C-alpha cells in the first residue's frame, strides 16, 4: 500500500516547543531505541559587510512535496525506521530561528542517524526550495545551498 503524501511546509519559524512536543509524543513508542534530530537554524552571516537578519523561504510546493514523497519512500526502504517527520519553514525566518526540523526514529542508532543525514542532504540537493537572504541594509541576495 502506497503511503499518503505528507505536507512538510509550515508558515514561519519552527517553535522550540513544537520540537519538544514532537519528542515527547514518541515516549510511548516502546520499539524505538534511538532518535536522530537535525535542526537547521538561520545564521546571521556577514557578507560584504552586510549582516543577514532573516531568510525568506519560497518553494514550488507541489513539486517539492512530490519529490519529498519519493525521498521518504526511498529512505523507508533503505533504513529500518519506526518513523520520520520533516518540517520546513516558508516565509520570513529571523536569524536564530529554526527553519528545518528532521526527526528520524529507529530501534537502533545507526539507522536513525544515517537516515536523518541522508534526508537532510537530499532536501538540500533535490527540493525546489529557495532562500533569499535579507540584509540589515534592506538589500537581499539569493542563498546558495552548500
Foldseek 3Di string as FASTA:
>chain_A
DQDDQDQQEDEEFDDPVNVVVVVVVCPVVVLWDDKDKDWDFAAQDQDPNWTFFKKAKDFPRVQQSVVLSVLVVVLVVVAAWPDKHWHAYHGIYGGGTTGIMIMTTHNDHVSNHVSSVVSVVCSLVPGGMWIWGATPVRDIHTDHRD
